[in-house]
Amino acid sequence: MIALEDVKKNPVVDSFIRKGNEFLGAQGFTEHSYRHVILVSRIASNILKKLNHSPREAELAAIAGYLHDIGNVVSRNNHGNSGAVLVFPILMTMGMEPDEVAIVVSAVANHEEQYGQPVNSVSAALILADKSDVHRSRVRNQDFATFDIHDRVNYAVEHAFIRVKPEQRVITLDMSIDINICPVMEYFELFLTRMILCRRAAGFLNCNFEIIINDSKLL
């Protein structure tokens, strides 16, 4: 069976992740490099492990997390859909079973809030993992005076962590935000649709979704 380590060694995957991040940087977008995809891969896998899904399903979540932003090599617009189109031949050529390819492709295609939906457990875990990665280390712009709202909100987040409580069936996004940089309301102004998608994803996993910001429960 194809494992995450096999995917990491694929030269096409490696090139597309590197170049996609480079292209986004040229357009002023936040970091989407190895740091992001490795983190999302690990979180997606851990979510399913903690909810007692099968080891193989957790491995597919790890693979989907690693591949989810590969479509940025084409364009930021609709990068979930273009990424799915790219992922399909890569995984088939590597010898992954078609049913597993279908799961990963659907997860990649459905991770963006503009059009995505949790269609299976892997896609639900990927959504939660991806949308939880808001942090100042992702901001490339070093000139605070020229920050746009995306830079400002990401830079204000000092800590973000997904907590899974399997007994209570609760998934919590726990964050610390410097309100001198970004008011909490501005976070929701930018990311409300993301949080709605996270709630749907948690619901697909038979969990409630909570948000805690600066030790205060907001959802």
N, C-alpha and C. Protein backbone atom coordinates (compact mmCIF):
# COMPACT_ATOMS: atom_id res chain seq x y z
N MET A 1 0.84 -1.20 0.00
CA MET A 1 0.00 0.00 0.00
C MET A 1 0.87 1.25 0.00
N ILE A 2 0.40 2.27 -0.70
CA ILE A 2 1.13 3.53 -0.78
C ILE A 2 1.03 4.26 0.55
N ALA A 3 2.17 4.69 1.08
CA ALA A 3 2.22 5.39 2.36
C ALA A 3 2.65 6.84 2.15
N LEU A 4 2.50 7.63 3.18
CA LEU A 4 2.90 9.04 3.11
C LEU A 4 4.35 9.18 2.71
N GLU A 5 5.22 8.35 3.24
CA GLU A 5 6.64 8.46 2.92
C GLU A 5 6.92 8.22 1.45
N ASP A 6 6.12 7.36 0.82
CA ASP A 6 6.26 7.16 -0.62
C ASP A 6 5.88 8.43 -1.38
N VAL A 7 4.81 9.08 -0.95
CA VAL A 7 4.35 10.30 -1.61
C VAL A 7 5.40 11.41 -1.46
N LYS A 8 6.00 11.50 -0.29
CA LYS A 8 7.02 12.53 -0.06
C LYS A 8 8.22 12.37 -0.99
N LYS A 9 8.50 11.16 -1.41
CA LYS A 9 9.66 10.89 -2.25
C LYS A 9 9.36 11.11 -3.74
N ASN A 10 8.10 11.34 -4.07
CA ASN A 10 7.74 11.51 -5.48
C ASN A 10 8.28 12.85 -5.99
N PRO A 11 9.11 12.86 -7.04
CA PRO A 11 9.73 14.10 -7.50
C PRO A 11 8.73 15.12 -8.05
N VAL A 12 7.63 14.65 -8.64
CA VAL A 12 6.61 15.58 -9.15
C VAL A 12 5.92 16.28 -7.98
N VAL A 13 5.57 15.53 -6.97
CA VAL A 13 4.97 16.13 -5.77
C VAL A 13 5.91 17.15 -5.15
N ASP A 14 7.15 16.76 -5.01
CA ASP A 14 8.15 17.67 -4.42
C ASP A 14 8.26 18.97 -5.20
N SER A 15 8.34 18.86 -6.51
CA SER A 15 8.46 20.04 -7.36
C SER A 15 7.23 20.92 -7.28
N PHE A 16 6.04 20.32 -7.32
CA PHE A 16 4.81 21.10 -7.34
C PHE A 16 4.57 21.82 -6.02
N ILE A 17 4.94 21.21 -4.90
CA ILE A 17 4.80 21.89 -3.62
C ILE A 17 5.75 23.08 -3.56
N ARG A 18 7.00 22.87 -3.96
CA ARG A 18 7.99 23.96 -3.92
C ARG A 18 7.61 25.10 -4.84
N LYS A 19 7.27 24.77 -6.08
CA LYS A 19 6.98 25.81 -7.06
C LYS A 19 5.64 26.50 -6.77
N GLY A 20 4.66 25.74 -6.28
CA GLY A 20 3.38 26.35 -5.92
C GLY A 20 3.55 27.39 -4.83
N ASN A 21 4.34 27.07 -3.82
CA ASN A 21 4.61 28.03 -2.75
C ASN A 21 5.36 29.25 -3.28
N GLU A 22 6.29 29.01 -4.20
CA GLU A 22 7.04 30.10 -4.82
C GLU A 22 6.11 31.03 -5.60
N PHE A 23 5.20 30.44 -6.37
CA PHE A 23 4.28 31.24 -7.17
C PHE A 23 3.35 32.07 -6.28
N LEU A 24 2.89 31.47 -5.17
CA LEU A 24 2.02 32.22 -4.25
C LEU A 24 2.78 33.38 -3.61
N GLY A 25 4.05 33.15 -3.30
CA GLY A 25 4.86 34.21 -2.73
C GLY A 25 4.98 35.40 -3.66
N ALA A 26 5.09 35.13 -4.96
CA ALA A 26 5.19 36.20 -5.94
C ALA A 26 3.91 37.03 -6.00
N GLN A 27 2.79 36.43 -5.56
CA GLN A 27 1.51 37.13 -5.57
C GLN A 27 1.17 37.75 -4.21
N GLY A 28 2.05 37.54 -3.22
CA GLY A 28 1.83 38.15 -1.92
C GLY A 28 1.03 37.32 -0.94
N PHE A 29 0.82 36.02 -1.25
CA PHE A 29 0.07 35.16 -0.35
C PHE A 29 0.95 34.65 0.79
N THR A 30 0.31 34.18 1.85
CA THR A 30 1.03 33.62 2.98
C THR A 30 1.71 32.30 2.60
N GLU A 31 2.55 31.83 3.50
CA GLU A 31 3.36 30.62 3.27
C GLU A 31 2.49 29.39 3.07
N HIS A 32 2.81 28.61 2.04
CA HIS A 32 2.16 27.33 1.77
C HIS A 32 3.23 26.28 1.42
N SER A 33 4.30 26.26 2.20
CA SER A 33 5.46 25.42 1.91
C SER A 33 5.37 24.09 2.64
N TYR A 34 6.53 23.42 2.76
CA TYR A 34 6.60 22.15 3.47
C TYR A 34 6.10 22.27 4.91
N ARG A 35 6.42 23.39 5.55
CA ARG A 35 5.96 23.58 6.93
C ARG A 35 4.45 23.39 7.03
N HIS A 36 3.73 24.04 6.13
CA HIS A 36 2.26 23.98 6.16
C HIS A 36 1.75 22.59 5.83
N VAL A 37 2.23 21.99 4.75
CA VAL A 37 1.66 20.70 4.33
C VAL A 37 2.03 19.59 5.29
N ILE A 38 3.22 19.64 5.87
CA ILE A 38 3.60 18.62 6.85
C ILE A 38 2.76 18.74 8.11
N LEU A 39 2.53 19.98 8.55
CA LEU A 39 1.71 20.21 9.74
C LEU A 39 0.27 19.75 9.51
N VAL A 40 -0.31 20.13 8.38
CA VAL A 40 -1.68 19.73 8.06
C VAL A 40 -1.78 18.22 7.94
N SER A 41 -0.80 17.60 7.32
CA SER A 41 -0.76 16.14 7.20
C SER A 41 -0.81 15.47 8.57
N ARG A 42 0.02 15.96 9.47
CA ARG A 42 0.09 15.36 10.81
C ARG A 42 -1.20 15.58 11.60
N ILE A 43 -1.76 16.79 11.54
CA ILE A 43 -2.98 17.08 12.29
C ILE A 43 -4.15 16.26 11.76
N ALA A 44 -4.29 16.19 10.44
CA ALA A 44 -5.40 15.43 9.86
C ALA A 44 -5.34 13.96 10.29
N SER A 45 -4.16 13.39 10.24
CA SER A 45 -3.98 12.01 10.67
C SER A 45 -4.30 11.83 12.15
N ASN A 46 -3.82 12.75 12.98
CA ASN A 46 -4.04 12.65 14.43
C ASN A 46 -5.51 12.76 14.79
N ILE A 47 -6.25 13.61 14.07
CA ILE A 47 -7.68 13.76 14.35
C ILE A 47 -8.38 12.41 14.20
N LEU A 48 -8.11 11.71 13.11
CA LEU A 48 -8.78 10.42 12.88
C LEU A 48 -8.28 9.35 13.84
N LYS A 49 -7.00 9.40 14.18
CA LYS A 49 -6.49 8.43 15.16
C LYS A 49 -7.17 8.60 16.50
N LYS A 50 -7.32 9.84 16.93
CA LYS A 50 -7.92 10.10 18.24
C LYS A 50 -9.40 9.76 18.27
N LEU A 51 -10.04 9.78 17.10
CA LEU A 51 -11.45 9.41 17.00
C LEU A 51 -11.63 7.93 16.67
N ASN A 52 -10.52 7.18 16.77
CA ASN A 52 -10.54 5.71 16.62
C ASN A 52 -10.92 5.24 15.22
N HIS A 53 -10.55 6.01 14.21
CA HIS A 53 -10.68 5.53 12.85
C HIS A 53 -9.53 4.56 12.56
N SER A 54 -9.64 3.85 11.47
CA SER A 54 -8.64 2.83 11.16
C SER A 54 -7.28 3.47 10.85
N PRO A 55 -6.20 2.73 11.10
CA PRO A 55 -4.87 3.26 10.77
C PRO A 55 -4.74 3.62 9.29
N ARG A 56 -5.38 2.86 8.41
CA ARG A 56 -5.27 3.17 6.98
C ARG A 56 -6.00 4.47 6.65
N GLU A 57 -7.14 4.70 7.27
CA GLU A 57 -7.87 5.94 7.03
C GLU A 57 -7.05 7.14 7.53
N ALA A 58 -6.39 6.96 8.66
CA ALA A 58 -5.52 8.02 9.18
C ALA A 58 -4.35 8.27 8.23
N GLU A 59 -3.83 7.22 7.63
CA GLU A 59 -2.73 7.37 6.67
C GLU A 59 -3.21 8.09 5.41
N LEU A 60 -4.41 7.80 4.96
CA LEU A 60 -4.96 8.51 3.80
C LEU A 60 -5.17 9.99 4.12
N ALA A 61 -5.55 10.29 5.35
CA ALA A 61 -5.69 11.69 5.77
C ALA A 61 -4.34 12.38 5.75
N ALA A 62 -3.29 11.66 6.17
CA ALA A 62 -1.94 12.22 6.13
C ALA A 62 -1.52 12.51 4.69
N ILE A 63 -1.84 11.59 3.79
CA ILE A 63 -1.49 11.78 2.38
C ILE A 63 -2.26 12.96 1.78
N ALA A 64 -3.56 13.02 2.06
CA ALA A 64 -4.37 14.13 1.56
C ALA A 64 -3.87 15.46 2.11
N GLY A 65 -3.49 15.47 3.38
CA GLY A 65 -2.96 16.70 3.98
C GLY A 65 -1.68 17.16 3.31
N TYR A 66 -0.84 16.22 2.96
CA TYR A 66 0.43 16.57 2.31
C TYR A 66 0.20 17.09 0.89
N LEU A 67 -0.83 16.58 0.24
CA LEU A 67 -1.07 16.93 -1.17
C LEU A 67 -2.08 18.04 -1.38
N HIS A 68 -2.74 18.50 -0.32
CA HIS A 68 -3.95 19.30 -0.50
C HIS A 68 -3.74 20.62 -1.24
N ASP A 69 -2.55 21.21 -1.15
CA ASP A 69 -2.32 22.51 -1.79
C ASP A 69 -1.52 22.42 -3.09
N ILE A 70 -1.41 21.24 -3.65
CA ILE A 70 -0.58 21.06 -4.83
C ILE A 70 -1.14 21.85 -6.03
N GLY A 71 -2.43 22.15 -6.01
CA GLY A 71 -3.04 22.90 -7.10
C GLY A 71 -2.58 24.34 -7.19
N ASN A 72 -1.89 24.83 -6.16
CA ASN A 72 -1.36 26.20 -6.22
C ASN A 72 -0.33 26.36 -7.33
N VAL A 73 0.22 25.26 -7.82
CA VAL A 73 1.17 25.34 -8.93
C VAL A 73 0.45 25.78 -10.21
N VAL A 74 -0.86 25.58 -10.26
CA VAL A 74 -1.67 26.02 -11.40
C VAL A 74 -2.17 27.44 -11.17
N SER A 75 -2.89 27.63 -10.06
CA SER A 75 -3.44 28.94 -9.71
C SER A 75 -3.98 28.87 -8.30
N ARG A 76 -4.02 29.99 -7.62
CA ARG A 76 -4.66 30.03 -6.31
C ARG A 76 -6.16 29.84 -6.45
N ASN A 77 -6.73 30.37 -7.51
CA ASN A 77 -8.16 30.22 -7.75
C ASN A 77 -8.50 28.77 -8.05
N ASN A 78 -9.50 28.26 -7.32
CA ASN A 78 -9.95 26.87 -7.51
C ASN A 78 -8.82 25.86 -7.36
N HIS A 79 -7.88 26.14 -6.46
CA HIS A 79 -6.72 25.25 -6.37
C HIS A 79 -7.07 23.89 -5.78
N GLY A 80 -8.22 23.79 -5.10
CA GLY A 80 -8.66 22.47 -4.64
C GLY A 80 -9.02 21.57 -5.80
N ASN A 81 -9.78 22.11 -6.73
CA ASN A 81 -10.19 21.32 -7.89
C ASN A 81 -9.01 20.99 -8.81
N SER A 82 -8.18 21.99 -9.09
CA SER A 82 -7.03 21.72 -9.96
C SER A 82 -6.06 20.77 -9.27
N GLY A 83 -5.94 20.89 -7.95
CA GLY A 83 -5.09 19.96 -7.21
C GLY A 83 -5.58 18.53 -7.31
N ALA A 84 -6.88 18.35 -7.23
CA ALA A 84 -7.45 17.00 -7.35
C ALA A 84 -7.13 16.39 -8.71
N VAL A 85 -7.21 17.21 -9.76
CA VAL A 85 -6.90 16.74 -11.11
C VAL A 85 -5.44 16.32 -11.21
N LEU A 86 -4.55 17.04 -10.53
CA LEU A 86 -3.13 16.70 -10.55
C LEU A 86 -2.84 15.45 -9.71
N VAL A 87 -3.50 15.34 -8.58
CA VAL A 87 -3.24 14.24 -7.65
C VAL A 87 -3.65 12.89 -8.25
N PHE A 88 -4.74 12.88 -9.01
CA PHE A 88 -5.26 11.61 -9.54
C PHE A 88 -4.22 10.80 -10.32
N PRO A 89 -3.59 11.36 -11.36
CA PRO A 89 -2.63 10.54 -12.12
C PRO A 89 -1.37 10.23 -11.31
N ILE A 90 -0.99 11.12 -10.40
CA ILE A 90 0.21 10.86 -9.59
C ILE A 90 0.01 9.60 -8.75
N LEU A 91 -1.13 9.54 -8.04
CA LEU A 91 -1.38 8.40 -7.15
C LEU A 91 -1.66 7.13 -7.93
N MET A 92 -2.36 7.23 -9.05
CA MET A 92 -2.62 6.04 -9.86
C MET A 92 -1.32 5.47 -10.42
N THR A 93 -0.43 6.35 -10.88
CA THR A 93 0.86 5.90 -11.40
C THR A 93 1.70 5.25 -10.32
N MET A 94 1.55 5.72 -9.08
CA MET A 94 2.29 5.14 -7.97
C MET A 94 1.73 3.78 -7.54
N GLY A 95 0.53 3.45 -8.02
CA GLY A 95 -0.04 2.15 -7.72
C GLY A 95 -1.04 2.12 -6.58
N MET A 96 -1.56 3.26 -6.19
CA MET A 96 -2.57 3.27 -5.13
C MET A 96 -3.87 2.68 -5.65
N GLU A 97 -4.60 1.99 -4.77
CA GLU A 97 -5.88 1.40 -5.14
C GLU A 97 -6.87 2.50 -5.56
N PRO A 98 -7.64 2.28 -6.62
CA PRO A 98 -8.57 3.31 -7.11
C PRO A 98 -9.52 3.86 -6.05
N ASP A 99 -10.04 3.00 -5.17
CA ASP A 99 -10.95 3.48 -4.13
C ASP A 99 -10.25 4.45 -3.18
N GLU A 100 -8.99 4.18 -2.89
CA GLU A 100 -8.23 5.08 -2.02
C GLU A 100 -7.89 6.37 -2.74
N VAL A 101 -7.57 6.27 -4.03
CA VAL A 101 -7.32 7.47 -4.82
C VAL A 101 -8.56 8.36 -4.80
N ALA A 102 -9.73 7.76 -4.94
CA ALA A 102 -10.98 8.52 -4.93
C ALA A 102 -11.16 9.27 -3.62
N ILE A 103 -10.82 8.65 -2.51
CA ILE A 103 -10.95 9.29 -1.20
C ILE A 103 -10.02 10.50 -1.09
N VAL A 104 -8.77 10.31 -1.49
CA VAL A 104 -7.79 11.40 -1.40
C VAL A 104 -8.15 12.53 -2.35
N VAL A 105 -8.52 12.19 -3.58
CA VAL A 105 -8.89 13.21 -4.57
C VAL A 105 -10.07 14.03 -4.10
N SER A 106 -11.07 13.38 -3.53
CA SER A 106 -12.25 14.11 -3.06
C SER A 106 -11.91 15.01 -1.89
N ALA A 107 -10.99 14.58 -1.04
CA ALA A 107 -10.57 15.41 0.08
C ALA A 107 -9.83 16.66 -0.40
N VAL A 108 -8.92 16.47 -1.34
CA VAL A 108 -8.18 17.61 -1.90
C VAL A 108 -9.15 18.59 -2.57
N ALA A 109 -10.11 18.06 -3.30
CA ALA A 109 -11.05 18.90 -4.04
C ALA A 109 -11.98 19.69 -3.13
N ASN A 110 -12.20 19.21 -1.91
CA ASN A 110 -13.22 19.79 -1.05
C ASN A 110 -12.68 20.50 0.19
N HIS A 111 -11.41 20.91 0.17
CA HIS A 111 -10.87 21.51 1.39
C HIS A 111 -11.04 23.01 1.47
N GLU A 112 -11.47 23.67 0.39
CA GLU A 112 -11.61 25.13 0.41
C GLU A 112 -13.04 25.56 0.74
N GLU A 113 -13.15 26.65 1.52
CA GLU A 113 -14.45 27.07 2.02
C GLU A 113 -15.37 27.62 0.93
N GLN A 114 -14.81 28.06 -0.19
CA GLN A 114 -15.64 28.63 -1.24
C GLN A 114 -16.59 27.61 -1.86
N TYR A 115 -16.18 26.34 -1.89
CA TYR A 115 -17.01 25.33 -2.55
C TYR A 115 -16.89 23.95 -1.90
N GLY A 116 -16.05 23.80 -0.90
CA GLY A 116 -15.79 22.49 -0.32
C GLY A 116 -16.87 22.01 0.64
N GLN A 117 -16.93 20.70 0.78
CA GLN A 117 -17.84 20.04 1.71
C GLN A 117 -17.16 18.81 2.28
N PRO A 118 -17.40 18.48 3.54
CA PRO A 118 -16.88 17.22 4.08
C PRO A 118 -17.66 16.05 3.49
N VAL A 119 -17.04 15.34 2.57
CA VAL A 119 -17.73 14.25 1.88
C VAL A 119 -17.34 12.87 2.40
N ASN A 120 -16.29 12.81 3.19
CA ASN A 120 -15.87 11.58 3.85
C ASN A 120 -15.02 11.97 5.06
N SER A 121 -14.64 11.01 5.84
CA SER A 121 -13.90 11.30 7.07
C SER A 121 -12.54 11.93 6.79
N VAL A 122 -11.89 11.49 5.73
CA VAL A 122 -10.59 12.05 5.36
C VAL A 122 -10.72 13.52 5.00
N SER A 123 -11.74 13.85 4.23
CA SER A 123 -11.93 15.26 3.85
C SER A 123 -12.29 16.11 5.06
N ALA A 124 -13.07 15.57 5.97
CA ALA A 124 -13.44 16.31 7.18
C ALA A 124 -12.20 16.61 8.03
N ALA A 125 -11.35 15.62 8.21
CA ALA A 125 -10.13 15.82 8.99
C ALA A 125 -9.21 16.81 8.31
N LEU A 126 -9.12 16.75 6.98
CA LEU A 126 -8.27 17.69 6.23
C LEU A 126 -8.77 19.12 6.39
N ILE A 127 -10.06 19.33 6.30
CA ILE A 127 -10.62 20.67 6.47
C ILE A 127 -10.22 21.24 7.83
N LEU A 128 -10.43 20.48 8.88
CA LEU A 128 -10.12 20.95 10.24
C LEU A 128 -8.63 21.23 10.40
N ALA A 129 -7.80 20.37 9.84
CA ALA A 129 -6.35 20.55 9.96
C ALA A 129 -5.88 21.77 9.20
N ASP A 130 -6.36 21.94 7.99
CA ASP A 130 -5.93 23.06 7.15
C ASP A 130 -6.36 24.40 7.73
N LYS A 131 -7.62 24.50 8.15
CA LYS A 131 -8.15 25.77 8.61
C LYS A 131 -7.64 26.15 10.01
N SER A 132 -7.02 25.22 10.70
CA SER A 132 -6.47 25.55 12.01
C SER A 132 -5.08 26.17 11.93
N ASP A 133 -4.45 26.10 10.76
CA ASP A 133 -3.07 26.61 10.63
C ASP A 133 -3.09 28.10 10.31
N VAL A 134 -3.38 28.88 11.32
CA VAL A 134 -3.30 30.34 11.24
C VAL A 134 -2.23 30.75 12.25
N HIS A 135 -1.15 31.40 11.77
CA HIS A 135 -0.03 31.70 12.66
C HIS A 135 0.88 32.74 12.04
N ARG A 136 1.52 33.53 12.88
CA ARG A 136 2.37 34.60 12.38
C ARG A 136 3.56 34.11 11.56
N SER A 137 3.97 32.86 11.78
CA SER A 137 5.10 32.33 11.01
C SER A 137 4.77 32.17 9.53
N ARG A 138 3.49 32.25 9.17
CA ARG A 138 3.10 32.10 7.77
C ARG A 138 3.16 33.42 6.99
N VAL A 139 3.35 34.53 7.71
CA VAL A 139 3.36 35.85 7.05
C VAL A 139 4.73 36.10 6.44
N ARG A 140 4.77 36.32 5.15
CA ARG A 140 6.04 36.57 4.45
C ARG A 140 6.40 38.06 4.44
N ASN A 141 5.40 38.90 4.41
CA ASN A 141 5.63 40.34 4.36
C ASN A 141 6.29 40.81 5.66
N GLN A 142 7.43 41.45 5.57
CA GLN A 142 8.16 41.91 6.74
C GLN A 142 7.89 43.38 7.06
N ASP A 143 7.08 44.05 6.25
CA ASP A 143 6.78 45.47 6.46
C ASP A 143 5.39 45.59 7.07
N PHE A 144 5.34 45.77 8.37
CA PHE A 144 4.06 45.80 9.09
C PHE A 144 3.15 46.89 8.55
N ALA A 145 3.72 47.98 8.11
CA ALA A 145 2.92 49.11 7.63
C ALA A 145 2.13 48.78 6.37
N THR A 146 2.55 47.76 5.65
CA THR A 146 1.87 47.40 4.41
C THR A 146 1.03 46.12 4.55
N PHE A 147 0.85 45.64 5.78
CA PHE A 147 0.04 44.44 5.99
C PHE A 147 -1.38 44.63 5.46
N ASP A 148 -1.90 43.62 4.75
CA ASP A 148 -3.32 43.59 4.48
C ASP A 148 -4.00 42.80 5.60
N ILE A 149 -5.31 42.58 5.50
CA ILE A 149 -6.03 41.93 6.59
C ILE A 149 -5.55 40.50 6.82
N HIS A 150 -5.17 39.79 5.72
CA HIS A 150 -4.67 38.42 5.88
C HIS A 150 -3.35 38.41 6.65
N ASP A 151 -2.45 39.33 6.31
CA ASP A 151 -1.18 39.42 7.03
C ASP A 151 -1.43 39.75 8.50
N ARG A 152 -2.30 40.72 8.73
CA ARG A 152 -2.54 41.19 10.09
C ARG A 152 -3.15 40.11 10.97
N VAL A 153 -4.15 39.42 10.45
CA VAL A 153 -4.80 38.38 11.24
C VAL A 153 -3.85 37.23 11.51
N ASN A 154 -3.14 36.77 10.49
CA ASN A 154 -2.18 35.67 10.70
C ASN A 154 -1.08 36.08 11.67
N TYR A 155 -0.58 37.30 11.53
CA TYR A 155 0.52 37.74 12.39
C TYR A 155 0.06 37.86 13.84
N ALA A 156 -1.20 38.18 14.05
CA ALA A 156 -1.71 38.34 15.42
C ALA A 156 -1.84 37.03 16.17
N VAL A 157 -1.94 35.91 15.43
CA VAL A 157 -2.13 34.61 16.08
C VAL A 157 -0.79 34.07 16.56
N GLU A 158 -0.65 33.99 17.86
CA GLU A 158 0.60 33.52 18.47
C GLU A 158 0.60 32.01 18.70
N HIS A 159 -0.59 31.43 18.76
CA HIS A 159 -0.71 30.01 19.07
C HIS A 159 -2.05 29.51 18.53
N ALA A 160 -2.02 28.37 17.87
CA ALA A 160 -3.26 27.73 17.40
C ALA A 160 -3.09 26.22 17.49
N PHE A 161 -4.08 25.57 18.07
CA PHE A 161 -3.95 24.13 18.30
C PHE A 161 -5.34 23.47 18.23
N ILE A 162 -5.41 22.34 17.54
CA ILE A 162 -6.64 21.55 17.49
C ILE A 162 -6.61 20.50 18.59
N ARG A 163 -7.62 20.53 19.45
CA ARG A 163 -7.74 19.53 20.52
C ARG A 163 -8.94 18.63 20.24
N VAL A 164 -8.73 17.33 20.37
CA VAL A 164 -9.79 16.36 20.14
C VAL A 164 -10.09 15.64 21.45
N LYS A 165 -11.37 15.68 21.85
CA LYS A 165 -11.82 14.97 23.04
C LYS A 165 -12.79 13.89 22.59
N PRO A 166 -12.27 12.67 22.36
CA PRO A 166 -13.11 11.62 21.78
C PRO A 166 -14.29 11.21 22.65
N GLU A 167 -14.10 11.22 23.98
CA GLU A 167 -15.19 10.81 24.86
C GLU A 167 -16.36 11.78 24.79
N GLN A 168 -16.04 13.09 24.75
CA GLN A 168 -17.10 14.10 24.66
C GLN A 168 -17.53 14.39 23.23
N ARG A 169 -16.81 13.82 22.25
CA ARG A 169 -17.06 14.09 20.82
C ARG A 169 -17.00 15.59 20.55
N VAL A 170 -15.89 16.19 20.96
CA VAL A 170 -15.67 17.63 20.79
C VAL A 170 -14.32 17.86 20.13
N ILE A 171 -14.31 18.72 19.13
CA ILE A 171 -13.07 19.17 18.49
C ILE A 171 -12.97 20.67 18.73
N THR A 172 -11.86 21.11 19.33
CA THR A 172 -11.71 22.50 19.73
C THR A 172 -10.52 23.14 19.03
N LEU A 173 -10.75 24.31 18.46
CA LEU A 173 -9.67 25.15 17.95
C LEU A 173 -9.34 26.15 19.04
N ASP A 174 -8.16 26.00 19.64
CA ASP A 174 -7.72 26.84 20.76
C ASP A 174 -6.63 27.79 20.27
N MET A 175 -6.88 29.10 20.38
CA MET A 175 -5.95 30.09 19.83
C MET A 175 -5.63 31.19 20.84
N SER A 176 -4.44 31.76 20.66
CA SER A 176 -4.06 32.98 21.36
C SER A 176 -3.83 34.06 20.32
N ILE A 177 -4.52 35.18 20.48
CA ILE A 177 -4.44 36.28 19.52
C ILE A 177 -4.01 37.56 20.23
N ASP A 178 -3.03 38.25 19.67
CA ASP A 178 -2.61 39.55 20.18
C ASP A 178 -3.63 40.59 19.71
N ILE A 179 -4.52 41.01 20.61
CA ILE A 179 -5.60 41.91 20.21
C ILE A 179 -5.10 43.32 19.94
N ASN A 180 -3.84 43.62 20.26
CA ASN A 180 -3.27 44.91 19.89
C ASN A 180 -2.93 44.97 18.40
N ILE A 181 -2.81 43.80 17.80
CA ILE A 181 -2.55 43.72 16.36
C ILE A 181 -3.84 43.51 15.58
N CYS A 182 -4.70 42.67 16.11
CA CYS A 182 -5.93 42.30 15.41
C CYS A 182 -7.04 42.03 16.43
N PRO A 183 -8.12 42.80 16.42
CA PRO A 183 -9.25 42.48 17.29
C PRO A 183 -9.83 41.11 16.95
N VAL A 184 -10.37 40.44 17.94
CA VAL A 184 -10.95 39.12 17.71
C VAL A 184 -12.03 39.19 16.62
N MET A 185 -12.80 40.26 16.61
CA MET A 185 -13.87 40.39 15.61
C MET A 185 -13.30 40.38 14.19
N GLU A 186 -12.10 40.92 14.00
CA GLU A 186 -11.50 40.93 12.67
C GLU A 186 -11.13 39.53 12.22
N TYR A 187 -10.77 38.67 13.16
CA TYR A 187 -10.51 37.28 12.82
C TYR A 187 -11.76 36.65 12.22
N PHE A 188 -12.90 36.86 12.86
CA PHE A 188 -14.14 36.28 12.36
C PHE A 188 -14.60 36.95 11.07
N GLU A 189 -14.30 38.22 10.93
CA GLU A 189 -14.64 38.92 9.69
C GLU A 189 -13.95 38.25 8.50
N LEU A 190 -12.71 37.83 8.71
CA LEU A 190 -11.95 37.21 7.63
C LEU A 190 -12.25 35.73 7.47
N PHE A 191 -12.43 35.04 8.60
CA PHE A 191 -12.46 33.58 8.57
C PHE A 191 -13.80 32.96 8.95
N LEU A 192 -14.88 33.72 8.93
CA LEU A 192 -16.17 33.17 9.34
C LEU A 192 -16.57 31.97 8.49
N THR A 193 -16.41 32.07 7.16
CA THR A 193 -16.80 30.95 6.31
C THR A 193 -15.94 29.72 6.57
N ARG A 194 -14.68 29.95 6.95
CA ARG A 194 -13.82 28.82 7.31
C ARG A 194 -14.34 28.11 8.56
N MET A 195 -14.75 28.91 9.54
CA MET A 195 -15.22 28.32 10.78
C MET A 195 -16.54 27.57 10.58
N ILE A 196 -17.39 28.07 9.68
CA ILE A 196 -18.63 27.36 9.35
C ILE A 196 -18.31 26.02 8.71
N LEU A 197 -17.32 26.00 7.81
CA LEU A 197 -16.91 24.75 7.19
C LEU A 197 -16.31 23.79 8.22
N CYS A 198 -15.55 24.31 9.17
CA CYS A 198 -15.00 23.47 10.23
C CYS A 198 -16.11 22.85 11.07
N ARG A 199 -17.15 23.62 11.33
CA ARG A 199 -18.28 23.08 12.10
C ARG A 199 -18.94 21.93 11.34
N ARG A 200 -19.09 22.10 10.03
CA ARG A 200 -19.65 21.02 9.21
C ARG A 200 -18.75 19.79 9.24
N ALA A 201 -17.43 20.03 9.15
CA ALA A 201 -16.48 18.92 9.15
C ALA A 201 -16.53 18.15 10.47
N ALA A 202 -16.57 18.89 11.57
CA ALA A 202 -16.67 18.24 12.88
C ALA A 202 -17.97 17.45 12.98
N GLY A 203 -19.05 18.04 12.47
CA GLY A 203 -20.33 17.35 12.50
C GLY A 203 -20.30 16.06 11.70
N PHE A 204 -19.59 16.05 10.56
CA PHE A 204 -19.46 14.84 9.76
C PHE A 204 -18.78 13.74 10.57
N LEU A 205 -17.88 14.14 11.47
CA LEU A 205 -17.17 13.19 12.32
C LEU A 205 -17.92 12.93 13.62
N ASN A 206 -19.19 13.34 13.66
CA ASN A 206 -20.04 13.17 14.83
C ASN A 206 -19.48 13.86 16.07
N CYS A 207 -18.95 15.06 15.84
CA CYS A 207 -18.39 15.86 16.92
C CYS A 207 -18.97 17.28 16.87
N ASN A 208 -18.91 17.95 18.00
CA ASN A 208 -19.20 19.38 18.06
C ASN A 208 -17.90 20.14 17.85
N PHE A 209 -18.01 21.33 17.29
CA PHE A 209 -16.85 22.18 17.05
C PHE A 209 -16.89 23.38 17.97
N GLU A 210 -15.76 23.63 18.66
CA GLU A 210 -15.64 24.76 19.57
C GLU A 210 -14.46 25.64 19.17
N ILE A 211 -14.60 26.92 19.46
CA ILE A 211 -13.48 27.86 19.28
C ILE A 211 -13.21 28.54 20.61
N ILE A 212 -11.97 28.48 21.05
CA ILE A 212 -11.53 29.19 22.25
C ILE A 212 -10.44 30.16 21.84
N ILE A 213 -10.64 31.44 22.10
CA ILE A 213 -9.67 32.47 21.80
C ILE A 213 -9.31 33.22 23.07
N ASN A 214 -8.04 33.23 23.39
CA ASN A 214 -7.53 33.89 24.61
C ASN A 214 -8.29 33.41 25.84
N ASP A 215 -8.46 32.09 25.90
CA ASP A 215 -9.10 31.39 27.04
C ASP A 215 -10.58 31.66 27.19
N SER A 216 -11.20 32.28 26.19
CA SER A 216 -12.64 32.52 26.21
C SER A 216 -13.31 31.69 25.12
N LYS A 217 -14.33 30.93 25.49
CA LYS A 217 -15.07 30.12 24.52
C LYS A 217 -16.01 31.02 23.75
N LEU A 218 -15.84 31.03 22.42
CA LEU A 218 -16.64 31.90 21.56
C LEU A 218 -17.66 31.12 20.74
N LEU A 219 -17.49 29.81 20.66
CA LEU A 219 -18.43 29.00 19.88
C LEU A 219 -18.51 27.62 20.50
